[in-house]
Amino acid sequence: PFGVIEFCKTCKKCAEHCPGQAISHGDMSLEGPNISS
């Protein structure tokens, strides 16, 4: 690891620019949103 997880906690650019709003703005979790997770 080289700091990605901590950076992603702050950044959120991918979530903000996702046109389908498919990327989480929140915290990490143990379960995905549907059977494709």
ModelCIF file with pLDDT and N, C-alpha, C, O atoms, coordinates in Angstrom:
data_MODEL
#
_entry.id   MODEL 
#
_entity.id                         1 
_entity.type                       polymer 
_entity.pdbx_number_of_molecules   1 
#
_entity_poly.entity_id                      1 
_entity_poly.type                           'polypeptide(L)' 
_entity_poly.nstd_linkage                   no 
_entity_poly.nstd_monomer                   no 
_entity_poly.pdbx_seq_one_letter_code       PFGVIEFCKTCKKCAEHCPGQAISHGDMSLEGPNISS 
_entity_poly.pdbx_seq_one_letter_code_can   PFGVIEFCKTCKKCAEHCPGQAISHGDMSLEGPNISS 
_entity_poly.pdbx_strand_id                 A 
#
loop_
_entity_poly_seq.entity_id 
_entity_poly_seq.num 
_entity_poly_seq.mon_id 
_entity_poly_seq.hetero 
1 1  PRO n 
1 2  PHE n 
1 3  GLY n 
1 4  VAL n 
1 5  ILE n 
1 6  GLU n 
1 7  PHE n 
1 8  CYS n 
1 9  LYS n 
1 10 THR n 
1 11 CYS n 
1 12 LYS n 
1 13 LYS n 
1 14 CYS n 
1 15 ALA n 
1 16 GLU n 
1 17 HIS n 
1 18 CYS n 
1 19 PRO n 
1 20 GLY n 
1 21 GLN n 
1 22 ALA n 
1 23 ILE n 
1 24 SER n 
1 25 HIS n 
1 26 GLY n 
1 27 ASP n 
1 28 MET n 
1 29 SER n 
1 30 LEU n 
1 31 GLU n 
1 32 GLY n 
1 33 PRO n 
1 34 ASN n 
1 35 ILE n 
1 36 SER n 
1 37 SER n 
#
_struct_asym.id          A 
_struct_asym.entity_id   1 
#
loop_
_ma_qa_metric.id 
_ma_qa_metric.mode 
_ma_qa_metric.name 
_ma_qa_metric.software_group_id 
_ma_qa_metric.type 
1 global pLDDT . pLDDT 
2 local  pLDDT . pLDDT 
#
_ma_qa_metric_global.metric_id      1 
_ma_qa_metric_global.metric_value   97.57 
_ma_qa_metric_global.model_id       1 
_ma_qa_metric_global.ordinal_id     1 
#
loop_
_ma_qa_metric_local.label_asym_id 
_ma_qa_metric_local.label_comp_id 
_ma_qa_metric_local.label_seq_id 
_ma_qa_metric_local.metric_id 
_ma_qa_metric_local.metric_value 
_ma_qa_metric_local.model_id 
_ma_qa_metric_local.ordinal_id 
A PRO 1  2 97.00 1 1  
A PHE 2  2 96.00 1 2  
A GLY 3  2 97.00 1 3  
A VAL 4  2 98.00 1 4  
A ILE 5  2 97.00 1 5  
A GLU 6  2 97.00 1 6  
A PHE 7  2 98.00 1 7  
A CYS 8  2 98.00 1 8  
A LYS 9  2 98.00 1 9  
A THR 10 2 97.00 1 10 
A CYS 11 2 97.00 1 11 
A LYS 12 2 98.00 1 12 
A LYS 13 2 98.00 1 13 
A CYS 14 2 98.00 1 14 
A ALA 15 2 98.00 1 15 
A GLU 16 2 98.00 1 16 
A HIS 17 2 98.00 1 17 
A CYS 18 2 98.00 1 18 
A PRO 19 2 98.00 1 19 
A GLY 20 2 97.00 1 20 
A GLN 21 2 98.00 1 21 
A ALA 22 2 98.00 1 22 
A ILE 23 2 98.00 1 23 
A SER 24 2 97.00 1 24 
A HIS 25 2 98.00 1 25 
A GLY 26 2 97.00 1 26 
A ASP 27 2 97.00 1 27 
A MET 28 2 97.00 1 28 
A SER 29 2 97.00 1 29 
A LEU 30 2 97.00 1 30 
A GLU 31 2 97.00 1 31 
A GLY 32 2 98.00 1 32 
A PRO 33 2 98.00 1 33 
A ASN 34 2 98.00 1 34 
A ILE 35 2 98.00 1 35 
A SER 36 2 98.00 1 36 
A SER 37 2 98.00 1 37 
#
loop_
_atom_site.group_PDB 
_atom_site.id 
_atom_site.type_symbol 
_atom_site.label_atom_id 
_atom_site.label_alt_id 
_atom_site.label_comp_id 
_atom_site.label_asym_id 
_atom_site.label_entity_id 
_atom_site.label_seq_id 
_atom_site.pdbx_PDB_ins_code 
_atom_site.Cartn_x 
_atom_site.Cartn_y 
_atom_site.Cartn_z 
_atom_site.occupancy 
_atom_site.B_iso_or_equiv 
_atom_site.pdbx_formal_charge 
_atom_site.auth_seq_id 
_atom_site.auth_comp_id 
_atom_site.auth_asym_id 
_atom_site.auth_atom_id 
_atom_site.pdbx_PDB_model_num 
ATOM 1   N N  . PRO A 1 1  ? 0.831   -1.210  0.000   1.00 97.00 ? 1  PRO A N  1 
ATOM 2   C CA . PRO A 1 1  ? 0.000   0.000   0.000   1.00 97.00 ? 1  PRO A CA 1 
ATOM 3   C C  . PRO A 1 1  ? 0.864   1.258   0.000   1.00 97.00 ? 1  PRO A C  1 
ATOM 4   O O  . PRO A 1 1  ? 1.965   1.263   0.550   1.00 97.00 ? 1  PRO A O  1 
ATOM 5   N N  . PHE A 1 2  ? 0.359   2.327   -0.621  1.00 96.00 ? 2  PHE A N  1 
ATOM 6   C CA . PHE A 1 2  ? 1.145   3.563   -0.685  1.00 96.00 ? 2  PHE A CA 1 
ATOM 7   C C  . PHE A 1 2  ? 0.287   4.810   -0.447  1.00 96.00 ? 2  PHE A C  1 
ATOM 8   O O  . PHE A 1 2  ? 0.550   5.879   -0.998  1.00 96.00 ? 2  PHE A O  1 
ATOM 9   N N  . GLY A 1 3  ? -0.747  4.646   0.391   1.00 97.00 ? 3  GLY A N  1 
ATOM 10  C CA . GLY A 1 3  ? -1.519  5.803   0.811   1.00 97.00 ? 3  GLY A CA 1 
ATOM 11  C C  . GLY A 1 3  ? -2.810  6.051   0.061   1.00 97.00 ? 3  GLY A C  1 
ATOM 12  O O  . GLY A 1 3  ? -3.451  7.078   0.285   1.00 97.00 ? 3  GLY A O  1 
ATOM 13  N N  . VAL A 1 4  ? -3.219  5.151   -0.823  1.00 98.00 ? 4  VAL A N  1 
ATOM 14  C CA . VAL A 1 4  ? -4.401  5.367   -1.655  1.00 98.00 ? 4  VAL A CA 1 
ATOM 15  C C  . VAL A 1 4  ? -5.679  5.466   -0.825  1.00 98.00 ? 4  VAL A C  1 
ATOM 16  O O  . VAL A 1 4  ? -6.485  6.372   -1.033  1.00 98.00 ? 4  VAL A O  1 
ATOM 17  N N  . ILE A 1 5  ? -5.866  4.540   0.112   1.00 97.00 ? 5  ILE A N  1 
ATOM 18  C CA . ILE A 1 5  ? -7.113  4.524   0.881   1.00 97.00 ? 5  ILE A CA 1 
ATOM 19  C C  . ILE A 1 5  ? -7.308  5.831   1.643   1.00 97.00 ? 5  ILE A C  1 
ATOM 20  O O  . ILE A 1 5  ? -8.404  6.391   1.634   1.00 97.00 ? 5  ILE A O  1 
ATOM 21  N N  . GLU A 1 6  ? -6.264  6.323   2.300   1.00 97.00 ? 6  GLU A N  1 
ATOM 22  C CA . GLU A 1 6  ? -6.385  7.581   3.027   1.00 97.00 ? 6  GLU A CA 1 
ATOM 23  C C  . GLU A 1 6  ? -6.652  8.745   2.079   1.00 97.00 ? 6  GLU A C  1 
ATOM 24  O O  . GLU A 1 6  ? -7.411  9.657   2.406   1.00 97.00 ? 6  GLU A O  1 
ATOM 25  N N  . PHE A 1 7  ? -6.025  8.713   0.901   1.00 98.00 ? 7  PHE A N  1 
ATOM 26  C CA . PHE A 1 7  ? -6.248  9.777   -0.072  1.00 98.00 ? 7  PHE A CA 1 
ATOM 27  C C  . PHE A 1 7  ? -7.685  9.739   -0.592  1.00 98.00 ? 7  PHE A C  1 
ATOM 28  O O  . PHE A 1 7  ? -8.328  10.779  -0.736  1.00 98.00 ? 7  PHE A O  1 
ATOM 29  N N  . CYS A 1 8  ? -8.182  8.537   -0.872  1.00 98.00 ? 8  CYS A N  1 
ATOM 30  C CA . CYS A 1 8  ? -9.548  8.397   -1.382  1.00 98.00 ? 8  CYS A CA 1 
ATOM 31  C C  . CYS A 1 8  ? -10.595 8.858   -0.364  1.00 98.00 ? 8  CYS A C  1 
ATOM 32  O O  . CYS A 1 8  ? -11.667 9.326   -0.748  1.00 98.00 ? 8  CYS A O  1 
ATOM 33  N N  . LYS A 1 9  ? -10.296 8.730   0.909   1.00 98.00 ? 9  LYS A N  1 
ATOM 34  C CA . LYS A 1 9  ? -11.225 9.198   1.932   1.00 98.00 ? 9  LYS A CA 1 
ATOM 35  C C  . LYS A 1 9  ? -11.454 10.700  1.814   1.00 98.00 ? 9  LYS A C  1 
ATOM 36  O O  . LYS A 1 9  ? -12.551 11.188  2.086   1.00 98.00 ? 9  LYS A O  1 
ATOM 37  N N  . THR A 1 10 ? -10.426 11.428  1.412   1.00 97.00 ? 10 THR A N  1 
ATOM 38  C CA . THR A 1 10 ? -10.509 12.875  1.277   1.00 97.00 ? 10 THR A CA 1 
ATOM 39  C C  . THR A 1 10 ? -10.975 13.312  -0.111  1.00 97.00 ? 10 THR A C  1 
ATOM 40  O O  . THR A 1 10 ? -11.768 14.245  -0.236  1.00 97.00 ? 10 THR A O  1 
ATOM 41  N N  . CYS A 1 11 ? -10.492 12.649  -1.136  1.00 97.00 ? 11 CYS A N  1 
ATOM 42  C CA . CYS A 1 11 ? -10.636 13.129  -2.512  1.00 97.00 ? 11 CYS A CA 1 
ATOM 43  C C  . CYS A 1 11 ? -12.081 13.133  -3.031  1.00 97.00 ? 11 CYS A C  1 
ATOM 44  O O  . CYS A 1 11 ? -12.673 14.197  -3.206  1.00 97.00 ? 11 CYS A O  1 
ATOM 45  N N  . LYS A 1 12 ? -12.635 11.967  -3.271  1.00 98.00 ? 12 LYS A N  1 
ATOM 46  C CA . LYS A 1 12 ? -14.008 11.763  -3.744  1.00 98.00 ? 12 LYS A CA 1 
ATOM 47  C C  . LYS A 1 12 ? -14.264 12.302  -5.153  1.00 98.00 ? 12 LYS A C  1 
ATOM 48  O O  . LYS A 1 12 ? -15.422 12.398  -5.559  1.00 98.00 ? 12 LYS A O  1 
ATOM 49  N N  . LYS A 1 13 ? -13.230 12.651  -5.904  1.00 98.00 ? 13 LYS A N  1 
ATOM 50  C CA . LYS A 1 13 ? -13.443 13.182  -7.249  1.00 98.00 ? 13 LYS A CA 1 
ATOM 51  C C  . LYS A 1 13 ? -14.151 12.182  -8.165  1.00 98.00 ? 13 LYS A C  1 
ATOM 52  O O  . LYS A 1 13 ? -15.013 12.565  -8.956  1.00 98.00 ? 13 LYS A O  1 
ATOM 53  N N  . CYS A 1 14 ? -13.785 10.900  -8.059  1.00 98.00 ? 14 CYS A N  1 
ATOM 54  C CA . CYS A 1 14 ? -14.410 9.908   -8.933  1.00 98.00 ? 14 CYS A CA 1 
ATOM 55  C C  . CYS A 1 14 ? -15.909 9.826   -8.674  1.00 98.00 ? 14 CYS A C  1 
ATOM 56  O O  . CYS A 1 14 ? -16.692 9.670   -9.611  1.00 98.00 ? 14 CYS A O  1 
ATOM 57  N N  . ALA A 1 15 ? -16.315 9.930   -7.406  1.00 98.00 ? 15 ALA A N  1 
ATOM 58  C CA . ALA A 1 15 ? -17.741 9.896   -7.066  1.00 98.00 ? 15 ALA A CA 1 
ATOM 59  C C  . ALA A 1 15 ? -18.453 11.146  -7.563  1.00 98.00 ? 15 ALA A C  1 
ATOM 60  O O  . ALA A 1 15 ? -19.575 11.065  -8.062  1.00 98.00 ? 15 ALA A O  1 
ATOM 61  N N  . GLU A 1 16 ? -17.815 12.288  -7.431  1.00 98.00 ? 16 GLU A N  1 
ATOM 62  C CA . GLU A 1 16 ? -18.428 13.554  -7.835  1.00 98.00 ? 16 GLU A CA 1 
ATOM 63  C C  . GLU A 1 16 ? -18.597 13.652  -9.347  1.00 98.00 ? 16 GLU A C  1 
ATOM 64  O O  . GLU A 1 16 ? -19.548 14.270  -9.826  1.00 98.00 ? 16 GLU A O  1 
ATOM 65  N N  . HIS A 1 17 ? -17.684 13.051  -10.098 1.00 98.00 ? 17 HIS A N  1 
ATOM 66  C CA . HIS A 1 17 ? -17.715 13.161  -11.561 1.00 98.00 ? 17 HIS A CA 1 
ATOM 67  C C  . HIS A 1 17 ? -18.312 11.932  -12.231 1.00 98.00 ? 17 HIS A C  1 
ATOM 68  O O  . HIS A 1 17 ? -18.285 11.837  -13.459 1.00 98.00 ? 17 HIS A O  1 
ATOM 69  N N  . CYS A 1 18 ? -18.845 10.995  -11.471 1.00 98.00 ? 18 CYS A N  1 
ATOM 70  C CA . CYS A 1 18 ? -19.458 9.796   -12.054 1.00 98.00 ? 18 CYS A CA 1 
ATOM 71  C C  . CYS A 1 18 ? -20.833 10.161  -12.602 1.00 98.00 ? 18 CYS A C  1 
ATOM 72  O O  . CYS A 1 18 ? -21.723 10.486  -11.816 1.00 98.00 ? 18 CYS A O  1 
ATOM 73  N N  . PRO A 1 19 ? -21.044 10.121  -13.917 1.00 98.00 ? 19 PRO A N  1 
ATOM 74  C CA . PRO A 1 19 ? -22.334 10.537  -14.479 1.00 98.00 ? 19 PRO A CA 1 
ATOM 75  C C  . PRO A 1 19 ? -23.484 9.617   -14.103 1.00 98.00 ? 19 PRO A C  1 
ATOM 76  O O  . PRO A 1 19 ? -24.644 10.025  -14.167 1.00 98.00 ? 19 PRO A O  1 
ATOM 77  N N  . GLY A 1 20 ? -23.185 8.381   -13.712 1.00 97.00 ? 20 GLY A N  1 
ATOM 78  C CA . GLY A 1 20 ? -24.234 7.457   -13.292 1.00 97.00 ? 20 GLY A CA 1 
ATOM 79  C C  . GLY A 1 20 ? -24.432 7.411   -11.793 1.00 97.00 ? 20 GLY A C  1 
ATOM 80  O O  . GLY A 1 20 ? -25.281 6.675   -11.290 1.00 97.00 ? 20 GLY A O  1 
ATOM 81  N N  . GLN A 1 21 ? -23.634 8.210   -11.073 1.00 98.00 ? 21 GLN A N  1 
ATOM 82  C CA . GLN A 1 21 ? -23.638 8.201   -9.604  1.00 98.00 ? 21 GLN A CA 1 
ATOM 83  C C  . GLN A 1 21 ? -23.556 6.776   -9.065  1.00 98.00 ? 21 GLN A C  1 
ATOM 84  O O  . GLN A 1 21 ? -24.325 6.363   -8.197  1.00 98.00 ? 21 GLN A O  1 
ATOM 85  N N  . ALA A 1 22 ? -22.594 6.045   -9.616  1.00 98.00 ? 22 ALA A N  1 
ATOM 86  C CA . ALA A 1 22 ? -22.398 4.636   -9.258  1.00 98.00 ? 22 ALA A CA 1 
ATOM 87  C C  . ALA A 1 22 ? -21.334 4.440   -8.195  1.00 98.00 ? 22 ALA A C  1 
ATOM 88  O O  . ALA A 1 22 ? -21.154 3.326   -7.702  1.00 98.00 ? 22 ALA A O  1 
ATOM 89  N N  . ILE A 1 23 ? -20.622 5.507   -7.831  1.00 98.00 ? 23 ILE A N  1 
ATOM 90  C CA . ILE A 1 23 ? -19.507 5.404   -6.891  1.00 98.00 ? 23 ILE A CA 1 
ATOM 91  C C  . ILE A 1 23 ? -19.901 6.032   -5.562  1.00 98.00 ? 23 ILE A C  1 
ATOM 92  O O  . ILE A 1 23 ? -20.485 7.115   -5.529  1.00 98.00 ? 23 ILE A O  1 
ATOM 93  N N  . SER A 1 24 ? -19.583 5.358   -4.479  1.00 97.00 ? 24 SER A N  1 
ATOM 94  C CA . SER A 1 24 ? -19.987 5.783   -3.147  1.00 97.00 ? 24 SER A CA 1 
ATOM 95  C C  . SER A 1 24 ? -19.291 7.073   -2.720  1.00 97.00 ? 24 SER A C  1 
ATOM 96  O O  . SER A 1 24 ? -18.093 7.246   -2.943  1.00 97.00 ? 24 SER A O  1 
ATOM 97  N N  . HIS A 1 25 ? -20.060 7.979   -2.101  1.00 98.00 ? 25 HIS A N  1 
ATOM 98  C CA . HIS A 1 25 ? -19.508 9.184   -1.477  1.00 98.00 ? 25 HIS A CA 1 
ATOM 99  C C  . HIS A 1 25 ? -19.189 8.929   -0.004  1.00 98.00 ? 25 HIS A C  1 
ATOM 100 O O  . HIS A 1 25 ? -18.563 9.761   0.652   1.00 98.00 ? 25 HIS A O  1 
ATOM 101 N N  . GLY A 1 26 ? -19.620 7.775   0.513   1.00 97.00 ? 26 GLY A N  1 
ATOM 102 C CA . GLY A 1 26 ? -19.531 7.521   1.944   1.00 97.00 ? 26 GLY A CA 1 
ATOM 103 C C  . GLY A 1 26 ? -18.321 6.703   2.339   1.00 97.00 ? 26 GLY A C  1 
ATOM 104 O O  . GLY A 1 26 ? -17.308 6.672   1.641   1.00 97.00 ? 26 GLY A O  1 
ATOM 105 N N  . ASP A 1 27 ? -18.453 6.040   3.478   1.00 97.00 ? 27 ASP A N  1 
ATOM 106 C CA . ASP A 1 27 ? -17.363 5.240   4.030   1.00 97.00 ? 27 ASP A CA 1 
ATOM 107 C C  . ASP A 1 27 ? -17.330 3.854   3.398   1.00 97.00 ? 27 ASP A C  1 
ATOM 108 O O  . ASP A 1 27 ? -18.278 3.441   2.730   1.00 97.00 ? 27 ASP A O  1 
ATOM 109 N N  . MET A 1 28 ? -16.240 3.149   3.616   1.00 97.00 ? 28 MET A N  1 
ATOM 110 C CA . MET A 1 28 ? -16.150 1.765   3.173   1.00 97.00 ? 28 MET A CA 1 
ATOM 111 C C  . MET A 1 28 ? -17.170 0.913   3.926   1.00 97.00 ? 28 MET A C  1 
ATOM 112 O O  . MET A 1 28 ? -17.578 1.249   5.037   1.00 97.00 ? 28 MET A O  1 
ATOM 113 N N  . SER A 1 29 ? -17.571 -0.187  3.304   1.00 97.00 ? 29 SER A N  1 
ATOM 114 C CA . SER A 1 29 ? -18.565 -1.061  3.922   1.00 97.00 ? 29 SER A CA 1 
ATOM 115 C C  . SER A 1 29 ? -18.206 -2.510  3.643   1.00 97.00 ? 29 SER A C  1 
ATOM 116 O O  . SER A 1 29 ? -17.244 -2.799  2.931   1.00 97.00 ? 29 SER A O  1 
ATOM 117 N N  . LEU A 1 30 ? -18.989 -3.414  4.209   1.00 97.00 ? 30 LEU A N  1 
ATOM 118 C CA . LEU A 1 30 ? -18.757 -4.849  4.020   1.00 97.00 ? 30 LEU A CA 1 
ATOM 119 C C  . LEU A 1 30 ? -19.667 -5.455  2.957   1.00 97.00 ? 30 LEU A C  1 
ATOM 120 O O  . LEU A 1 30 ? -19.508 -6.621  2.593   1.00 97.00 ? 30 LEU A O  1 
ATOM 121 N N  . GLU A 1 31 ? -20.608 -4.677  2.465   1.00 97.00 ? 31 GLU A N  1 
ATOM 122 C CA . GLU A 1 31 ? -21.581 -5.229  1.532   1.00 97.00 ? 31 GLU A CA 1 
ATOM 123 C C  . GLU A 1 31 ? -21.851 -4.259  0.395   1.00 97.00 ? 31 GLU A C  1 
ATOM 124 O O  . GLU A 1 31 ? -22.001 -3.056  0.610   1.00 97.00 ? 31 GLU A O  1 
ATOM 125 N N  . GLY A 1 32 ? -21.913 -4.798  -0.824  1.00 98.00 ? 32 GLY A N  1 
ATOM 126 C CA . GLY A 1 32 ? -22.201 -3.980  -1.991  1.00 98.00 ? 32 GLY A CA 1 
ATOM 127 C C  . GLY A 1 32 ? -23.688 -3.804  -2.214  1.00 98.00 ? 32 GLY A C  1 
ATOM 128 O O  . GLY A 1 32 ? -24.498 -4.410  -1.514  1.00 98.00 ? 32 GLY A O  1 
ATOM 129 N N  . PRO A 1 33 ? -24.060 -2.967  -3.199  1.00 98.00 ? 33 PRO A N  1 
ATOM 130 C CA . PRO A 1 33 ? -25.465 -2.598  -3.386  1.00 98.00 ? 33 PRO A CA 1 
ATOM 131 C C  . PRO A 1 33 ? -26.333 -3.634  -4.090  1.00 98.00 ? 33 PRO A C  1 
ATOM 132 O O  . PRO A 1 33 ? -27.559 -3.541  -4.023  1.00 98.00 ? 33 PRO A O  1 
ATOM 133 N N  . ASN A 1 34 ? -25.730 -4.631  -4.773  1.00 98.00 ? 34 ASN A N  1 
ATOM 134 C CA . ASN A 1 34 ? -26.552 -5.602  -5.503  1.00 98.00 ? 34 ASN A CA 1 
ATOM 135 C C  . ASN A 1 34 ? -25.744 -6.870  -5.771  1.00 98.00 ? 34 ASN A C  1 
ATOM 136 O O  . ASN A 1 34 ? -24.611 -6.993  -5.305  1.00 98.00 ? 34 ASN A O  1 
ATOM 137 N N  . ILE A 1 35 ? -26.316 -7.805  -6.513  1.00 98.00 ? 35 ILE A N  1 
ATOM 138 C CA . ILE A 1 35 ? -25.687 -9.115  -6.699  1.00 98.00 ? 35 ILE A CA 1 
ATOM 139 C C  . ILE A 1 35 ? -24.418 -9.059  -7.544  1.00 98.00 ? 35 ILE A C  1 
ATOM 140 O O  . ILE A 1 35 ? -23.684 -10.045 -7.617  1.00 98.00 ? 35 ILE A O  1 
ATOM 141 N N  . SER A 1 36 ? -24.150 -7.925  -8.179  1.00 98.00 ? 36 SER A N  1 
ATOM 142 C CA . SER A 1 36 ? -22.914 -7.795  -8.944  1.00 98.00 ? 36 SER A CA 1 
ATOM 143 C C  . SER A 1 36 ? -21.723 -7.416  -8.069  1.00 98.00 ? 36 SER A C  1 
ATOM 144 O O  . SER A 1 36 ? -20.617 -7.225  -8.574  1.00 98.00 ? 36 SER A O  1 
ATOM 145 N N  . SER A 1 37 ? -21.944 -7.307  -6.761  1.00 98.00 ? 37 SER A N  1 
ATOM 146 C CA . SER A 1 37 ? -20.872 -7.002  -5.816  1.00 98.00 ? 37 SER A CA 1 
ATOM 147 C C  . SER A 1 37 ? -20.341 -8.290  -5.192  1.00 98.00 ? 37 SER A C  1 
ATOM 148 O O  . SER A 1 37 ? -19.430 -8.245  -4.365  1.00 98.00 ? 37 SER A O  1 
#
